[in-house]
Amino acid sequence: MPDKVDGGLARRRARELRAVAGQLQRRFQAAAIGTIRPALVLDDRGTALTDNYLKVQLREPAIRNYLLDVRVESAELGRVTGRVVSQMARDRAGSRAAGLATAGSPPRRAARTQP
C-alpha cells in the first residue's frame, strides 16, 4: 500500500491523541467539582454514573441501581469523588419529579456553606 503511514509516526500520533484526550478529561472532571448531578449507583462499592457520564466514587455506601443526586467534591489523578445529596423523588409514572435536573439541563451549583 503506497499511502501507508510509518509505524513510528502512527504510534507518535496515537500518543499525542491520548495526551490531548487525558487533558480534556481532566478539564471536564474539574469543571464538575461543586455541581450536583443526578446519578445511578452502578455497584455495591458506591460507584455512580452521572447523567453526563461522569463516573463518581461515592464517599458513603449506596444501594445498587438507586438514582441519587450527587455533589461532585473532587477530581484528582483521574478519580472523581462525591457525596450523596438526596435520593430522587419519582412520580407514579416513573418520570423524574418536578424541579429535579434532567439529562439536558445544566448542572446545579452546590450552595456554599460557612465553615
C-alpha atoms as a PDB file:
ATOM      1  CA  MET A   1       0.000   0.000   0.000  1.00  0.00           C
ATOM      2  CA  PRO A   2       1.786   3.185  -1.142  1.00  0.00           C
ATOM      3  CA  ASP A   3      -0.002   5.628   1.244  1.00  0.00           C
ATOM      4  CA  LYS A   4       0.685   3.613   4.404  1.00  0.00           C
ATOM      5  CA  VAL A   5       1.741   5.712   7.416  1.00  0.00           C
ATOM      6  CA  ASP A   6       5.044   4.733   9.025  1.00  0.00           C
ATOM      7  CA  GLY A   7       4.545   2.690  12.236  1.00  0.00           C
ATOM      8  CA  GLY A   8       6.651   5.068  14.346  1.00  0.00           C
ATOM      9  CA  LEU A   9       4.684   8.070  13.122  1.00  0.00           C
ATOM     10  CA  ALA A  10       1.372   6.306  13.828  1.00  0.00           C
ATOM     11  CA  ARG A  11       2.487   5.478  17.394  1.00  0.00           C
ATOM     12  CA  ARG A  12       3.592   9.083  17.988  1.00  0.00           C
ATOM     13  CA  ARG A  13       0.268  10.445  16.713  1.00  0.00           C
ATOM     14  CA  ALA A  14      -1.663   7.971  18.890  1.00  0.00           C
ATOM     15  CA  ARG A  15       0.404   9.020  21.947  1.00  0.00           C
ATOM     16  CA  GLU A  16      -0.359  12.695  21.218  1.00  0.00           C
ATOM     17  CA  LEU A  17      -4.073  11.966  20.845  1.00  0.00           C
ATOM     18  CA  ARG A  18      -4.137  10.075  24.156  1.00  0.00           C
ATOM     19  CA  ALA A  19      -2.393  13.028  25.848  1.00  0.00           C
ATOM     20  CA  VAL A  20      -4.964  15.503  24.494  1.00  0.00           C
ATOM     21  CA  ALA A  21      -7.820  13.177  25.489  1.00  0.00           C
ATOM     22  CA  GLY A  22      -6.412  12.976  29.018  1.00  0.00           C
ATOM     23  CA  GLN A  23      -6.189  16.762  29.273  1.00  0.00           C
ATOM     24  CA  LEU A  24      -9.772  17.168  28.084  1.00  0.00           C
ATOM     25  CA  GLN A  25     -10.988  14.512  30.520  1.00  0.00           C
ATOM     26  CA  ARG A  26      -9.231  16.213  33.463  1.00  0.00           C
ATOM     27  CA  ARG A  27     -10.708  19.583  32.432  1.00  0.00           C
ATOM     28  CA  PHE A  28     -14.205  18.070  32.198  1.00  0.00           C
ATOM     29  CA  GLN A  29     -13.845  16.427  35.615  1.00  0.00           C
ATOM     30  CA  ALA A  30     -12.526  19.628  37.223  1.00  0.00           C
ATOM     31  CA  ALA A  31     -15.434  21.644  35.798  1.00  0.00           C
ATOM     32  CA  ALA A  32     -17.871  19.289  37.543  1.00  0.00           C
ATOM     33  CA  ILE A  33     -16.497  19.996  41.040  1.00  0.00           C
ATOM     34  CA  GLY A  34     -19.140  21.697  43.167  1.00  0.00           C
ATOM     35  CA  THR A  35     -22.045  20.686  40.942  1.00  0.00           C
ATOM     36  CA  ILE A  36     -24.948  18.449  41.875  1.00  0.00           C
ATOM     37  CA  ARG A  37     -25.778  15.827  39.253  1.00  0.00           C
ATOM     38  CA  PRO A  38     -28.332  13.030  39.096  1.00  0.00           C
ATOM     39  CA  ALA A  39     -26.562   9.667  39.153  1.00  0.00           C
ATOM     40  CA  LEU A  40     -27.254   5.940  39.014  1.00  0.00           C
ATOM     41  CA  VAL A  41     -25.418   3.716  41.511  1.00  0.00           C
ATOM     42  CA  LEU A  42     -23.625   1.047  39.465  1.00  0.00           C
ATOM     43  CA  ASP A  43     -22.298  -1.347  42.104  1.00  0.00           C
ATOM     44  CA  ASP A  44     -22.144  -2.153  45.812  1.00  0.00           C
ATOM     45  CA  ARG A  45     -18.788  -0.362  46.146  1.00  0.00           C
ATOM     46  CA  GLY A  46     -20.522   3.008  45.677  1.00  0.00           C
ATOM     47  CA  THR A  47     -19.595   3.803  42.083  1.00  0.00           C
ATOM     48  CA  ALA A  48     -22.192   6.025  40.411  1.00  0.00           C
ATOM     49  CA  LEU A  49     -22.622   7.300  36.846  1.00  0.00           C
ATOM     50  CA  THR A  50     -23.971  10.832  36.402  1.00  0.00           C
ATOM     51  CA  ASP A  51     -26.314  11.978  33.665  1.00  0.00           C
ATOM     52  CA  ASN A  52     -23.320  13.371  31.742  1.00  0.00           C
ATOM     53  CA  TYR A  53     -21.397  10.061  32.046  1.00  0.00           C
ATOM     54  CA  LEU A  54     -19.017  11.118  34.802  1.00  0.00           C
ATOM     55  CA  LYS A  55     -18.054   8.126  36.950  1.00  0.00           C
ATOM     56  CA  VAL A  56     -18.078   9.174  40.628  1.00  0.00           C
ATOM     57  CA  GLN A  57     -16.853   7.207  43.637  1.00  0.00           C
ATOM     58  CA  LEU A  58     -19.265   7.933  46.485  1.00  0.00           C
ATOM     59  CA  ARG A  59     -17.882   8.590  49.980  1.00  0.00           C
ATOM     60  CA  GLU A  60     -20.694   6.631  51.611  1.00  0.00           C
ATOM     61  CA  PRO A  61     -22.323   3.297  50.800  1.00  0.00           C
ATOM     62  CA  ALA A  62     -25.248   3.312  48.396  1.00  0.00           C
ATOM     63  CA  ILE A  63     -27.614   0.692  47.073  1.00  0.00           C
ATOM     64  CA  ARG A  64     -27.024  -0.502  43.510  1.00  0.00           C
ATOM     65  CA  ASN A  65     -29.499   0.746  40.866  1.00  0.00           C
ATOM     66  CA  TYR A  66     -30.698   3.676  43.016  1.00  0.00           C
ATOM     67  CA  LEU A  67     -30.973   7.122  41.489  1.00  0.00           C
ATOM     68  CA  LEU A  68     -29.349   9.797  43.617  1.00  0.00           C
ATOM     69  CA  ASP A  69     -28.393  13.438  43.498  1.00  0.00           C
ATOM     70  CA  VAL A  70     -24.619  13.555  43.926  1.00  0.00           C
ATOM     71  CA  ARG A  71     -22.414  16.547  44.773  1.00  0.00           C
ATOM     72  CA  VAL A  72     -19.089  16.207  42.958  1.00  0.00           C
ATOM     73  CA  GLU A  73     -16.404  17.077  45.524  1.00  0.00           C
ATOM     74  CA  SER A  74     -13.029  16.340  43.966  1.00  0.00           C
ATOM     75  CA  ALA A  75     -11.258  15.146  40.841  1.00  0.00           C
ATOM     76  CA  GLU A  76      -7.673  14.119  41.445  1.00  0.00           C
ATOM     77  CA  LEU A  77      -5.485  11.759  39.419  1.00  0.00           C
ATOM     78  CA  GLY A  78      -8.457  10.795  37.270  1.00  0.00           C
ATOM     79  CA  ARG A  79     -10.534   9.743  40.293  1.00  0.00           C
ATOM     80  CA  VAL A  80     -13.747  11.682  40.877  1.00  0.00           C
ATOM     81  CA  THR A  81     -15.344  11.550  44.330  1.00  0.00           C
ATOM     82  CA  GLY A  82     -18.667  12.810  45.567  1.00  0.00           C
ATOM     83  CA  ARG A  83     -21.257  12.719  48.293  1.00  0.00           C
ATOM     84  CA  VAL A  84     -24.939  11.773  48.164  1.00  0.00           C
ATOM     85  CA  VAL A  85     -27.148  14.836  48.491  1.00  0.00           C
ATOM     86  CA  SER A  86     -30.534  13.114  48.217  1.00  0.00           C
ATOM     87  CA  GLN A  87     -32.403  10.231  46.696  1.00  0.00           C
ATOM     88  CA  MET A  88     -34.503  11.318  43.749  1.00  0.00           C
ATOM     89  CA  ALA A  89     -38.235  11.597  44.067  1.00  0.00           C
ATOM     90  CA  ARG A  90     -40.293   9.806  41.440  1.00  0.00           C
ATOM     91  CA  ASP A  91     -43.868  10.321  40.437  1.00  0.00           C
ATOM     92  CA  ARG A  92     -46.220   7.370  39.846  1.00  0.00           C
ATOM     93  CA  ALA A  93     -45.441   7.237  36.134  1.00  0.00           C
ATOM     94  CA  GLY A  94     -41.761   6.741  36.940  1.00  0.00           C
ATOM     95  CA  SER A  95     -40.597  10.041  35.491  1.00  0.00           C
ATOM     96  CA  ARG A  96     -38.490  12.486  37.422  1.00  0.00           C
ATOM     97  CA  ALA A  97     -40.379  14.753  39.780  1.00  0.00           C
ATOM     98  CA  ALA A  98     -40.677  18.436  39.007  1.00  0.00           C
ATOM     99  CA  GLY A  99     -37.750  20.583  39.988  1.00  0.00           C
ATOM    100  CA  LEU A 100     -35.039  17.974  39.507  1.00  0.00           C
ATOM    101  CA  ALA A 101     -32.491  18.297  36.725  1.00  0.00           C
ATOM    102  CA  THR A 102     -32.833  16.196  33.606  1.00  0.00           C
ATOM    103  CA  ALA A 103     -30.088  14.971  31.307  1.00  0.00           C
ATOM    104  CA  GLY A 104     -30.388  18.044  29.081  1.00  0.00           C
ATOM    105  CA  SER A 105     -30.481  20.644  31.823  1.00  0.00           C
ATOM    106  CA  PRO A 106     -27.445  22.488  33.154  1.00  0.00           C
ATOM    107  CA  PRO A 107     -25.881  21.318  36.419  1.00  0.00           C
ATOM    108  CA  ARG A 108     -26.888  22.953  39.660  1.00  0.00           C
ATOM    109  CA  ARG A 109     -24.181  24.532  41.773  1.00  0.00           C
ATOM    110  CA  ALA A 110     -23.976  23.397  45.371  1.00  0.00           C
ATOM    111  CA  ALA A 111     -24.862  26.015  47.932  1.00  0.00           C
ATOM    112  CA  ARG A 112     -21.843  27.425  49.711  1.00  0.00           C
ATOM    113  CA  THR A 113     -21.781  26.688  53.414  1.00  0.00           C
ATOM    114  CA  GLN A 114     -19.922  28.596  56.086  1.00  0.00           C
ATOM    115  CA  PRO A 115     -17.130  26.638  57.843  1.00  0.00           C
END
